Amino acid sequence: MSEVSNILQQLAEQYLTILVFLSLIPSIYAIIFTTKEKDERGQKITSTSYQYTYFFALAGVLILFIFNRIAELNFEEFRSGIITIFLLANFFLGSFLFILNKRI
């Protein structure tokens, strides 16, 4: 059982690295999609995806600032929070592009 807890502890310490790799594939898809889809449908999908992602990023930053007021994060924790929000926003952008491309 201690091996499992050690693995989970190591994953928690390296979560930013994991998030970078998880956000790479959707980010690459977003880059390829925006260069290929130049018609009205592609523009609609792109603008809708960016709207959702922008809302997520703003909400995440707002929550981070509120949490900073409550818990008084140090610089490292705050920086990790901003990087996490940025990486998750990239992940969600690519995911939304993929989902909306399949739906519309």
PDB file of N, CA and C in Angstrom:
ATOM      1  N   MET A   1       0.821  -1.194   0.000  1.00  0.00           N
ATOM      2  CA  MET A   1       0.000   0.000   0.000  1.00  0.00           C
ATOM      3  C   MET A   1       0.864   1.257   0.000  1.00  0.00           C
ATOM      4  N   SER A   2       2.042   1.154   0.590  1.00  0.00           N
ATOM      5  CA  SER A   2       2.907   2.330   0.640  1.00  0.00           C
ATOM      6  C   SER A   2       3.455   2.687  -0.736  1.00  0.00           C
ATOM      7  N   GLU A   3       3.567   1.681  -1.620  1.00  0.00           N
ATOM      8  CA  GLU A   3       4.015   1.964  -2.988  1.00  0.00           C
ATOM      9  C   GLU A   3       3.005   2.823  -3.719  1.00  0.00           C
ATOM     10  N   VAL A   4       1.738   2.533  -3.529  1.00  0.00           N
ATOM     11  CA  VAL A   4       0.686   3.312  -4.171  1.00  0.00           C
ATOM     12  C   VAL A   4       0.696   4.741  -3.649  1.00  0.00           C
ATOM     13  N   SER A   5       0.860   4.897  -2.358  1.00  0.00           N
ATOM     14  CA  SER A   5       0.894   6.249  -1.792  1.00  0.00           C
ATOM     15  C   SER A   5       2.131   7.006  -2.255  1.00  0.00           C
ATOM     16  N   ASN A   6       3.263   6.302  -2.426  1.00  0.00           N
ATOM     17  CA  ASN A   6       4.464   6.952  -2.952  1.00  0.00           C
ATOM     18  C   ASN A   6       4.259   7.408  -4.391  1.00  0.00           C
ATOM     19  N   ILE A   7       3.610   6.574  -5.199  1.00  0.00           N
ATOM     20  CA  ILE A   7       3.336   6.938  -6.595  1.00  0.00           C
ATOM     21  C   ILE A   7       2.407   8.141  -6.646  1.00  0.00           C
ATOM     22  N   LEU A   8       1.373   8.135  -5.821  1.00  0.00           N
ATOM     23  CA  LEU A   8       0.437   9.267  -5.802  1.00  0.00           C
ATOM     24  C   LEU A   8       1.117  10.541  -5.332  1.00  0.00           C
ATOM     25  N   GLN A   9       2.018  10.422  -4.375  1.00  0.00           N
ATOM     26  CA  GLN A   9       2.749  11.592  -3.893  1.00  0.00           C
ATOM     27  C   GLN A   9       3.663  12.140  -4.983  1.00  0.00           C
ATOM     28  N   GLN A  10       4.324  11.279  -5.725  1.00  0.00           N
ATOM     29  CA  GLN A  10       5.185  11.725  -6.814  1.00  0.00           C
ATOM     30  C   GLN A  10       4.378  12.368  -7.926  1.00  0.00           C
ATOM     31  N   LEU A  11       3.198  11.824  -8.228  1.00  0.00           N
ATOM     32  CA  LEU A  11       2.328  12.432  -9.236  1.00  0.00           C
ATOM     33  C   LEU A  11       1.859  13.811  -8.798  1.00  0.00           C
ATOM     34  N   ALA A  12       1.548  13.964  -7.519  1.00  0.00           N
ATOM     35  CA  ALA A  12       1.118  15.264  -7.009  1.00  0.00           C
ATOM     36  C   ALA A  12       2.239  16.283  -7.097  1.00  0.00           C
ATOM     37  N   GLU A  13       3.469  15.852  -6.894  1.00  0.00           N
ATOM     38  CA  GLU A  13       4.598  16.768  -6.978  1.00  0.00           C
ATOM     39  C   GLU A  13       4.905  17.167  -8.423  1.00  0.00           C
ATOM     40  N   GLN A  14       4.590  16.302  -9.365  1.00  0.00           N
ATOM     41  CA  GLN A  14       4.913  16.540 -10.769  1.00  0.00           C
ATOM     42  C   GLN A  14       3.669  16.832 -11.614  1.00  0.00           C
ATOM     43  N   TYR A  15       2.614  17.361 -11.019  1.00  0.00           N
ATOM     44  CA  TYR A  15       1.379  17.550 -11.767  1.00  0.00           C
ATOM     45  C   TYR A  15       1.516  18.572 -12.893  1.00  0.00           C
ATOM     46  N   LEU A  16       2.386  19.568 -12.733  1.00  0.00           N
ATOM     47  CA  LEU A  16       2.557  20.538 -13.820  1.00  0.00           C
ATOM     48  C   LEU A  16       3.177  19.893 -15.046  1.00  0.00           C
ATOM     49  N   THR A  17       4.110  18.999 -14.854  1.00  0.00           N
ATOM     50  CA  THR A  17       4.706  18.286 -15.976  1.00  0.00           C
ATOM     51  C   THR A  17       3.668  17.421 -16.671  1.00  0.00           C
ATOM     52  N   ILE A  18       2.834  16.771 -15.895  1.00  0.00           N
ATOM     53  CA  ILE A  18       1.772  15.941 -16.470  1.00  0.00           C
ATOM     54  C   ILE A  18       0.791  16.807 -17.245  1.00  0.00           C
ATOM     55  N   LEU A  19       0.435  17.971 -16.701  1.00  0.00           N
ATOM     56  CA  LEU A  19      -0.476  18.873 -17.395  1.00  0.00           C
ATOM     57  C   LEU A  19       0.107  19.392 -18.708  1.00  0.00           C
ATOM     58  N   VAL A  20       1.404  19.630 -18.739  1.00  0.00           N
ATOM     59  CA  VAL A  20       2.039  20.079 -19.988  1.00  0.00           C
ATOM     60  C   VAL A  20       1.857  19.028 -21.061  1.00  0.00           C
ATOM     61  N   PHE A  21       2.130  17.775 -20.731  1.00  0.00           N
ATOM     62  CA  PHE A  21       1.986  16.716 -21.722  1.00  0.00           C
ATOM     63  C   PHE A  21       0.528  16.471 -22.092  1.00  0.00           C
ATOM     64  N   LEU A  22      -0.380  16.609 -21.138  1.00  0.00           N
ATOM     65  CA  LEU A  22      -1.798  16.434 -21.443  1.00  0.00           C
ATOM     66  C   LEU A  22      -2.345  17.557 -22.322  1.00  0.00           C
ATOM     67  N   SER A  23      -1.780  18.749 -22.214  1.00  0.00           N
ATOM     68  CA  SER A  23      -2.296  19.859 -23.009  1.00  0.00           C
ATOM     69  C   SER A  23      -1.620  19.975 -24.369  1.00  0.00           C
ATOM     70  N   LEU A  24      -0.581  19.187 -24.611  1.00  0.00           N
ATOM     71  CA  LEU A  24       0.106  19.262 -25.902  1.00  0.00           C
ATOM     72  C   LEU A  24      -0.756  18.790 -27.064  1.00  0.00           C
ATOM     73  N   ILE A  25      -1.404  17.657 -26.925  1.00  0.00           N
ATOM     74  CA  ILE A  25      -2.186  17.095 -28.030  1.00  0.00           C
ATOM     75  C   ILE A  25      -3.358  18.002 -28.405  1.00  0.00           C
ATOM     76  N   PRO A  26      -4.184  18.463 -27.445  1.00  0.00           N
ATOM     77  CA  PRO A  26      -5.256  19.389 -27.838  1.00  0.00           C
ATOM     78  C   PRO A  26      -4.727  20.711 -28.399  1.00  0.00           C
ATOM     79  N   SER A  27      -3.581  21.172 -27.913  1.00  0.00           N
ATOM     80  CA  SER A  27      -3.012  22.417 -28.426  1.00  0.00           C
ATOM     81  C   SER A  27      -2.553  22.257 -29.871  1.00  0.00           C
ATOM     82  N   ILE A  28      -1.940  21.123 -30.172  1.00  0.00           N
ATOM     83  CA  ILE A  28      -1.522  20.851 -31.547  1.00  0.00           C
ATOM     84  C   ILE A  28      -2.742  20.738 -32.446  1.00  0.00           C
ATOM     85  N   TYR A  29      -3.804  20.082 -31.959  1.00  0.00           N
ATOM     86  CA  TYR A  29      -5.044  19.997 -32.728  1.00  0.00           C
ATOM     87  C   TYR A  29      -5.619  21.390 -32.975  1.00  0.00           C
ATOM     88  N   ALA A  30      -5.565  22.264 -31.974  1.00  0.00           N
ATOM     89  CA  ALA A  30      -6.080  23.629 -32.138  1.00  0.00           C
ATOM     90  C   ALA A  30      -5.289  24.386 -33.200  1.00  0.00           C
ATOM     91  N   ILE A  31      -3.983  24.229 -33.204  1.00  0.00           N
ATOM     92  CA  ILE A  31      -3.153  24.912 -34.203  1.00  0.00           C
ATOM     93  C   ILE A  31      -3.476  24.395 -35.605  1.00  0.00           C
ATOM     94  N   ILE A  32      -3.575  23.085 -35.750  1.00  0.00           N
ATOM     95  CA  ILE A  32      -3.878  22.506 -37.061  1.00  0.00           C
ATOM     96  C   ILE A  32      -5.281  22.903 -37.511  1.00  0.00           C
ATOM     97  N   PHE A  33      -6.250  22.881 -36.590  1.00  0.00           N
ATOM     98  CA  PHE A  33      -7.626  23.215 -36.944  1.00  0.00           C
ATOM     99  C   PHE A  33      -7.746  24.662 -37.407  1.00  0.00           C
ATOM    100  N   THR A  34      -7.111  25.580 -36.685  1.00  0.00           N
ATOM    101  CA  THR A  34      -7.254  26.990 -37.053  1.00  0.00           C
ATOM    102  C   THR A  34      -6.547  27.320 -38.354  1.00  0.00           C
ATOM    103  N   THR A  35      -5.535  26.559 -38.742  1.00  0.00           N
ATOM    104  CA  THR A  35      -4.884  26.824 -40.026  1.00  0.00           C
ATOM    105  C   THR A  35      -5.641  26.193 -41.186  1.00  0.00           C
ATOM    106  N   LYS A  36      -6.390  25.109 -40.944  1.00  0.00           N
ATOM    107  CA  LYS A  36      -7.107  24.431 -42.027  1.00  0.00           C
ATOM    108  C   LYS A  36      -8.506  24.989 -42.254  1.00  0.00           C
ATOM    109  N   GLU A  37      -9.235  25.242 -41.196  1.00  0.00           N
ATOM    110  CA  GLU A  37     -10.636  25.647 -41.296  1.00  0.00           C
ATOM    111  C   GLU A  37     -10.748  27.164 -41.418  1.00  0.00           C
ATOM    112  N   LYS A  38     -10.893  27.650 -42.637  1.00  0.00           N
ATOM    113  CA  LYS A  38     -10.991  29.095 -42.869  1.00  0.00           C
ATOM    114  C   LYS A  38     -12.406  29.529 -43.270  1.00  0.00           C
ATOM    115  N   ASP A  39     -13.342  28.579 -43.397  1.00  0.00           N
ATOM    116  CA  ASP A  39     -14.693  28.924 -43.814  1.00  0.00           C
ATOM    117  C   ASP A  39     -15.523  29.421 -42.628  1.00  0.00           C
ATOM    118  N   GLU A  40     -16.807  29.718 -42.885  1.00  0.00           N
ATOM    119  CA  GLU A  40     -17.676  30.259 -41.830  1.00  0.00           C
ATOM    120  C   GLU A  40     -17.885  29.256 -40.699  1.00  0.00           C
ATOM    121  N   ARG A  41     -18.011  27.993 -41.049  1.00  0.00           N
ATOM    122  CA  ARG A  41     -18.199  26.963 -40.031  1.00  0.00           C
ATOM    123  C   ARG A  41     -16.982  26.909 -39.108  1.00  0.00           C
ATOM    124  N   GLY A  42     -15.798  26.925 -39.671  1.00  0.00           N
ATOM    125  CA  GLY A  42     -14.576  26.898 -38.875  1.00  0.00           C
ATOM    126  C   GLY A  42     -14.431  28.126 -37.998  1.00  0.00           C
ATOM    127  N   GLN A  43     -14.820  29.287 -38.531  1.00  0.00           N
ATOM    128  CA  GLN A  43     -14.751  30.510 -37.733  1.00  0.00           C
ATOM    129  C   GLN A  43     -15.737  30.472 -36.572  1.00  0.00           C
ATOM    130  N   LYS A  44     -16.919  29.914 -36.823  1.00  0.00           N
ATOM    131  CA  LYS A  44     -17.918  29.805 -35.750  1.00  0.00           C
ATOM    132  C   LYS A  44     -17.427  28.861 -34.655  1.00  0.00           C
ATOM    133  N   ILE A  45     -16.874  27.724 -35.053  1.00  0.00           N
ATOM    134  CA  ILE A  45     -16.348  26.765 -34.090  1.00  0.00           C
ATOM    135  C   ILE A  45     -15.203  27.389 -33.295  1.00  0.00           C
ATOM    136  N   THR A  46     -14.315  28.081 -33.990  1.00  0.00           N
ATOM    137  CA  THR A  46     -13.167  28.700 -33.322  1.00  0.00           C
ATOM    138  C   THR A  46     -13.607  29.775 -32.344  1.00  0.00           C
ATOM    139  N   SER A  47     -14.536  30.631 -32.764  1.00  0.00           N
ATOM    140  CA  SER A  47     -14.967  31.710 -31.863  1.00  0.00           C
ATOM    141  C   SER A  47     -15.712  31.159 -30.652  1.00  0.00           C
ATOM    142  N   THR A  48     -16.522  30.141 -30.847  1.00  0.00           N
ATOM    143  CA  THR A  48     -17.236  29.539 -29.713  1.00  0.00           C
ATOM    144  C   THR A  48     -16.256  28.889 -28.740  1.00  0.00           C
ATOM    145  N   SER A  49     -15.253  28.195 -29.272  1.00  0.00           N
ATOM    146  CA  SER A  49     -14.257  27.560 -28.416  1.00  0.00           C
ATOM    147  C   SER A  49     -13.472  28.592 -27.622  1.00  0.00           C
ATOM    148  N   TYR A  50     -13.086  29.684 -28.288  1.00  0.00           N
ATOM    149  CA  TYR A  50     -12.347  30.729 -27.581  1.00  0.00           C
ATOM    150  C   TYR A  50     -13.209  31.410 -26.527  1.00  0.00           C
ATOM    151  N   GLN A  51     -14.517  31.557 -26.783  1.00  0.00           N
ATOM    152  CA  GLN A  51     -15.395  32.149 -25.776  1.00  0.00           C
ATOM    153  C   GLN A  51     -15.452  31.279 -24.522  1.00  0.00           C
ATOM    154  N   TYR A  52     -15.639  29.971 -24.706  1.00  0.00           N
ATOM    155  CA  TYR A  52     -15.683  29.064 -23.555  1.00  0.00           C
ATOM    156  C   TYR A  52     -14.360  29.069 -22.803  1.00  0.00           C
ATOM    157  N   THR A  53     -13.259  29.041 -23.544  1.00  0.00           N
ATOM    158  CA  THR A  53     -11.949  29.001 -22.913  1.00  0.00           C
ATOM    159  C   THR A  53     -11.642  30.300 -22.180  1.00  0.00           C
ATOM    160  N   TYR A  54     -12.006  31.430 -22.776  1.00  0.00           N
ATOM    161  CA  TYR A  54     -11.776  32.727 -22.138  1.00  0.00           C
ATOM    162  C   TYR A  54     -12.562  32.823 -20.830  1.00  0.00           C
ATOM    163  N   PHE A  55     -13.811  32.364 -20.847  1.00  0.00           N
ATOM    164  CA  PHE A  55     -14.616  32.368 -19.626  1.00  0.00           C
ATOM    165  C   PHE A  55     -13.983  31.482 -18.563  1.00  0.00           C
ATOM    166  N   PHE A  56     -13.522  30.295 -18.959  1.00  0.00           N
ATOM    167  CA  PHE A  56     -12.871  29.387 -18.010  1.00  0.00           C
ATOM    168  C   PHE A  56     -11.630  30.036 -17.404  1.00  0.00           C
ATOM    169  N   ALA A  57     -10.807  30.669 -18.249  1.00  0.00           N
ATOM    170  CA  ALA A  57      -9.566  31.279 -17.767  1.00  0.00           C
ATOM    171  C   ALA A  57      -9.866  32.419 -16.789  1.00  0.00           C
ATOM    172  N   LEU A  58     -10.832  33.268 -17.137  1.00  0.00           N
ATOM    173  CA  LEU A  58     -11.180  34.368 -16.233  1.00  0.00           C
ATOM    174  C   LEU A  58     -11.755  33.854 -14.914  1.00  0.00           C
ATOM    175  N   ALA A  59     -12.610  32.849 -14.995  1.00  0.00           N
ATOM    176  CA  ALA A  59     -13.176  32.282 -13.768  1.00  0.00           C
ATOM    177  C   ALA A  59     -12.083  31.647 -12.921  1.00  0.00           C
ATOM    178  N   GLY A  60     -11.142  30.972 -13.561  1.00  0.00           N
ATOM    179  CA  GLY A  60     -10.043  30.354 -12.826  1.00  0.00           C
ATOM    180  C   GLY A  60      -9.165  31.376 -12.137  1.00  0.00           C
ATOM    181  N   VAL A  61      -8.862  32.475 -12.831  1.00  0.00           N
ATOM    182  CA  VAL A  61      -8.042  33.524 -12.226  1.00  0.00           C
ATOM    183  C   VAL A  61      -8.796  34.191 -11.075  1.00  0.00           C
ATOM    184  N   LEU A  62     -10.084  34.417 -11.251  1.00  0.00           N
ATOM    185  CA  LEU A  62     -10.892  34.997 -10.182  1.00  0.00           C
ATOM    186  C   LEU A  62     -10.906  34.091  -8.947  1.00  0.00           C
ATOM    187  N   ILE A  63     -11.102  32.806  -9.159  1.00  0.00           N
ATOM    188  CA  ILE A  63     -11.097  31.861  -8.045  1.00  0.00           C
ATOM    189  C   ILE A  63      -9.725  31.828  -7.376  1.00  0.00           C
ATOM    190  N   LEU A  64      -8.666  31.903  -8.194  1.00  0.00           N
ATOM    191  CA  LEU A  64      -7.314  31.903  -7.627  1.00  0.00           C
ATOM    192  C   LEU A  64      -7.080  33.145  -6.775  1.00  0.00           C
ATOM    193  N   PHE A  65      -7.536  34.319  -7.227  1.00  0.00           N
ATOM    194  CA  PHE A  65      -7.367  35.538  -6.441  1.00  0.00           C
ATOM    195  C   PHE A  65      -8.191  35.489  -5.158  1.00  0.00           C
ATOM    196  N   ILE A  66      -9.414  34.947  -5.231  1.00  0.00           N
ATOM    197  CA  ILE A  66     -10.228  34.818  -4.021  1.00  0.00           C
ATOM    198  C   ILE A  66      -9.560  33.853  -3.045  1.00  0.00           C
ATOM    199  N   PHE A  67      -9.058  32.739  -3.566  1.00  0.00           N
ATOM    200  CA  PHE A  67      -8.367  31.781  -2.708  1.00  0.00           C
ATOM    201  C   PHE A  67      -7.101  32.391  -2.115  1.00  0.00           C
ATOM    202  N   ASN A  68      -6.431  33.258  -2.880  1.00  0.00           N
ATOM    203  CA  ASN A  68      -5.239  33.939  -2.387  1.00  0.00           C
ATOM    204  C   ASN A  68      -5.582  34.868  -1.230  1.00  0.00           C
ATOM    205  N   ARG A  69      -6.729  35.526  -1.312  1.00  0.00           N
ATOM    206  CA  ARG A  69      -7.157  36.401  -0.217  1.00  0.00           C
ATOM    207  C   ARG A  69      -7.476  35.606   1.038  1.00  0.00           C
ATOM    208  N   ILE A  70      -8.084  34.433   0.849  1.00  0.00           N
ATOM    209  CA  ILE A  70      -8.487  33.615   1.995  1.00  0.00           C
ATOM    210  C   ILE A  70      -7.285  32.916   2.621  1.00  0.00           C
ATOM    211  N   ALA A  71      -6.459  32.274   1.789  1.00  0.00           N
ATOM    212  CA  ALA A  71      -5.393  31.418   2.313  1.00  0.00           C
ATOM    213  C   ALA A  71      -4.010  32.053   2.257  1.00  0.00           C
ATOM    214  N   GLU A  72      -3.875  33.213   1.645  1.00  0.00           N
ATOM    215  CA  GLU A  72      -2.597  33.905   1.500  1.00  0.00           C
ATOM    216  C   GLU A  72      -1.511  32.966   0.962  1.00  0.00           C
ATOM    217  N   LEU A  73      -1.611  32.679  -0.320  1.00  0.00           N
ATOM    218  CA  LEU A  73      -0.650  31.806  -0.988  1.00  0.00           C
ATOM    219  C   LEU A  73       0.706  32.490  -1.104  1.00  0.00           C
ATOM    220  N   ASN A  74       1.755  31.691  -1.091  1.00  0.00           N
ATOM    221  CA  ASN A  74       3.069  32.274  -1.353  1.00  0.00           C
ATOM    222  C   ASN A  74       3.278  32.360  -2.876  1.00  0.00           C
ATOM    223  N   PHE A  75       4.409  32.920  -3.276  1.00  0.00           N
ATOM    224  CA  PHE A  75       4.646  33.155  -4.697  1.00  0.00           C
ATOM    225  C   PHE A  75       4.654  31.867  -5.498  1.00  0.00           C
ATOM    226  N   GLU A  76       5.274  30.818  -4.982  1.00  0.00           N
ATOM    227  CA  GLU A  76       5.366  29.542  -5.704  1.00  0.00           C
ATOM    228  C   GLU A  76       3.983  28.932  -5.921  1.00  0.00           C
ATOM    229  N   GLU A  77       3.142  28.958  -4.910  1.00  0.00           N
ATOM    230  CA  GLU A  77       1.797  28.402  -5.042  1.00  0.00           C
ATOM    231  C   GLU A  77       0.957  29.210  -6.013  1.00  0.00           C
ATOM    232  N   PHE A  78       1.075  30.538  -5.941  1.00  0.00           N
ATOM    233  CA  PHE A  78       0.311  31.389  -6.850  1.00  0.00           C
ATOM    234  C   PHE A  78       0.770  31.177  -8.290  1.00  0.00           C
ATOM    235  N   ARG A  79       2.079  31.089  -8.501  1.00  0.00           N
ATOM    236  CA  ARG A  79       2.616  30.861  -9.835  1.00  0.00           C
ATOM    237  C   ARG A  79       2.161  29.507 -10.376  1.00  0.00           C
ATOM    238  N   SER A  80       2.172  28.499  -9.534  1.00  0.00           N
ATOM    239  CA  SER A  80       1.689  27.180  -9.954  1.00  0.00           C
ATOM    240  C   SER A  80       0.211  27.238 -10.331  1.00  0.00           C
ATOM    241  N   GLY A  81      -0.559  28.016  -9.597  1.00  0.00           N
ATOM    242  CA  GLY A  81      -1.977  28.173  -9.926  1.00  0.00           C
ATOM    243  C   GLY A  81      -2.185  28.835 -11.273  1.00  0.00           C
ATOM    244  N   ILE A  82      -1.426  29.887 -11.560  1.00  0.00           N
ATOM    245  CA  ILE A  82      -1.541  30.572 -12.852  1.00  0.00           C
ATOM    246  C   ILE A  82      -1.122  29.646 -13.989  1.00  0.00           C
ATOM    247  N   ILE A  83      -0.029  28.922 -13.807  1.00  0.00           N
ATOM    248  CA  ILE A  83       0.431  27.991 -14.842  1.00  0.00           C
ATOM    249  C   ILE A  83      -0.601  26.890 -15.058  1.00  0.00           C
ATOM    250  N   THR A  84      -1.195  26.402 -13.979  1.00  0.00           N
ATOM    251  CA  THR A  84      -2.227  25.376 -14.090  1.00  0.00           C
ATOM    252  C   THR A  84      -3.428  25.885 -14.864  1.00  0.00           C
ATOM    253  N   ILE A  85      -3.857  27.100 -14.584  1.00  0.00           N
ATOM    254  CA  ILE A  85      -4.992  27.680 -15.311  1.00  0.00           C
ATOM    255  C   ILE A  85      -4.654  27.831 -16.786  1.00  0.00           C
ATOM    256  N   PHE A  86      -3.459  28.291 -17.091  1.00  0.00           N
ATOM    257  CA  PHE A  86      -3.040  28.447 -18.484  1.00  0.00           C
ATOM    258  C   PHE A  86      -3.016  27.106 -19.217  1.00  0.00           C
ATOM    259  N   LEU A  87      -2.450  26.086 -18.584  1.00  0.00           N
ATOM    260  CA  LEU A  87      -2.382  24.769 -19.225  1.00  0.00           C
ATOM    261  C   LEU A  87      -3.764  24.145 -19.391  1.00  0.00           C
ATOM    262  N   LEU A  88      -4.609  24.285 -18.393  1.00  0.00           N
ATOM    263  CA  LEU A  88      -5.969  23.758 -18.514  1.00  0.00           C
ATOM    264  C   LEU A  88      -6.766  24.514 -19.577  1.00  0.00           C
ATOM    265  N   ALA A  89      -6.525  25.819 -19.702  1.00  0.00           N
ATOM    266  CA  ALA A  89      -7.200  26.585 -20.748  1.00  0.00           C
ATOM    267  C   ALA A  89      -6.779  26.082 -22.129  1.00  0.00           C
ATOM    268  N   ASN A  90      -5.500  25.800 -22.322  1.00  0.00           N
ATOM    269  CA  ASN A  90      -5.049  25.228 -23.595  1.00  0.00           C
ATOM    270  C   ASN A  90      -5.689  23.868 -23.838  1.00  0.00           C
ATOM    271  N   PHE A  91      -5.759  23.060 -22.799  1.00  0.00           N
ATOM    272  CA  PHE A  91      -6.384  21.744 -22.927  1.00  0.00           C
ATOM    273  C   PHE A  91      -7.857  21.884 -23.309  1.00  0.00           C
ATOM    274  N   PHE A  92      -8.578  22.782 -22.629  1.00  0.00           N
ATOM    275  CA  PHE A  92      -9.991  22.968 -22.921  1.00  0.00           C
ATOM    276  C   PHE A  92     -10.223  23.563 -24.303  1.00  0.00           C
ATOM    277  N   LEU A  93      -9.338  24.442 -24.742  1.00  0.00           N
ATOM    278  CA  LEU A  93      -9.487  25.018 -26.080  1.00  0.00           C
ATOM    279  C   LEU A  93      -9.427  23.929 -27.140  1.00  0.00           C
ATOM    280  N   GLY A  94      -8.415  23.096 -27.081  1.00  0.00           N
ATOM    281  CA  GLY A  94      -8.307  22.004 -28.046  1.00  0.00           C
ATOM    282  C   GLY A  94      -9.456  21.023 -27.941  1.00  0.00           C
ATOM    283  N   SER A  95      -9.875  20.742 -26.711  1.00  0.00           N
ATOM    284  CA  SER A  95     -10.988  19.813 -26.511  1.00  0.00           C
ATOM    285  C   SER A  95     -12.287  20.384 -27.057  1.00  0.00           C
ATOM    286  N   PHE A  96     -12.551  21.660 -26.792  1.00  0.00           N
ATOM    287  CA  PHE A  96     -13.757  22.284 -27.318  1.00  0.00           C
ATOM    288  C   PHE A  96     -13.736  22.329 -28.837  1.00  0.00           C
ATOM    289  N   LEU A  97     -12.590  22.625 -29.434  1.00  0.00           N
ATOM    290  CA  LEU A  97     -12.489  22.618 -30.891  1.00  0.00           C
ATOM    291  C   LEU A  97     -12.809  21.236 -31.445  1.00  0.00           C
ATOM    292  N   PHE A  98     -12.258  20.205 -30.822  1.00  0.00           N
ATOM    293  CA  PHE A  98     -12.500  18.845 -31.283  1.00  0.00           C
ATOM    294  C   PHE A  98     -13.970  18.472 -31.146  1.00  0.00           C
ATOM    295  N   ILE A  99     -14.563  18.762 -29.996  1.00  0.00           N
ATOM    296  CA  ILE A  99     -15.965  18.393 -29.745  1.00  0.00           C
ATOM    297  C   ILE A  99     -16.903  19.158 -30.688  1.00  0.00           C
ATOM    298  N   LEU A 100     -16.686  20.479 -30.798  1.00  0.00           N
ATOM    299  CA  LEU A 100     -17.570  21.260 -31.666  1.00  0.00           C
ATOM    300  C   LEU A 100     -17.358  20.914 -33.137  1.00  0.00           C
ATOM    301  N   ASN A 101     -16.160  20.540 -33.521  1.00  0.00           N
ATOM    302  CA  ASN A 101     -15.916  20.136 -34.911  1.00  0.00           C
ATOM    303  C   ASN A 101     -16.688  18.859 -35.239  1.00  0.00           C
ATOM    304  N   LYS A 102     -16.819  17.958 -34.279  1.00  0.00           N
ATOM    305  CA  LYS A 102     -17.565  16.715 -34.502  1.00  0.00           C
ATOM    306  C   LYS A 102     -19.074  16.961 -34.469  1.00  0.00           C
ATOM    307  N   ARG A 103     -19.522  17.924 -33.656  1.00  0.00           N
ATOM    308  CA  ARG A 103     -20.959  18.187 -33.517  1.00  0.00           C
ATOM    309  C   ARG A 103     -21.521  19.015 -34.654  1.00  0.00           C
ATOM    310  N   ILE A 104     -20.805  20.069 -35.021  1.00  0.00           N
ATOM    311  CA  ILE A 104     -21.352  21.027 -36.007  1.00  0.00           C
ATOM    312  C   ILE A 104     -20.970  20.597 -37.403  1.00  0.00           C
TER     313      ILE A 104
END
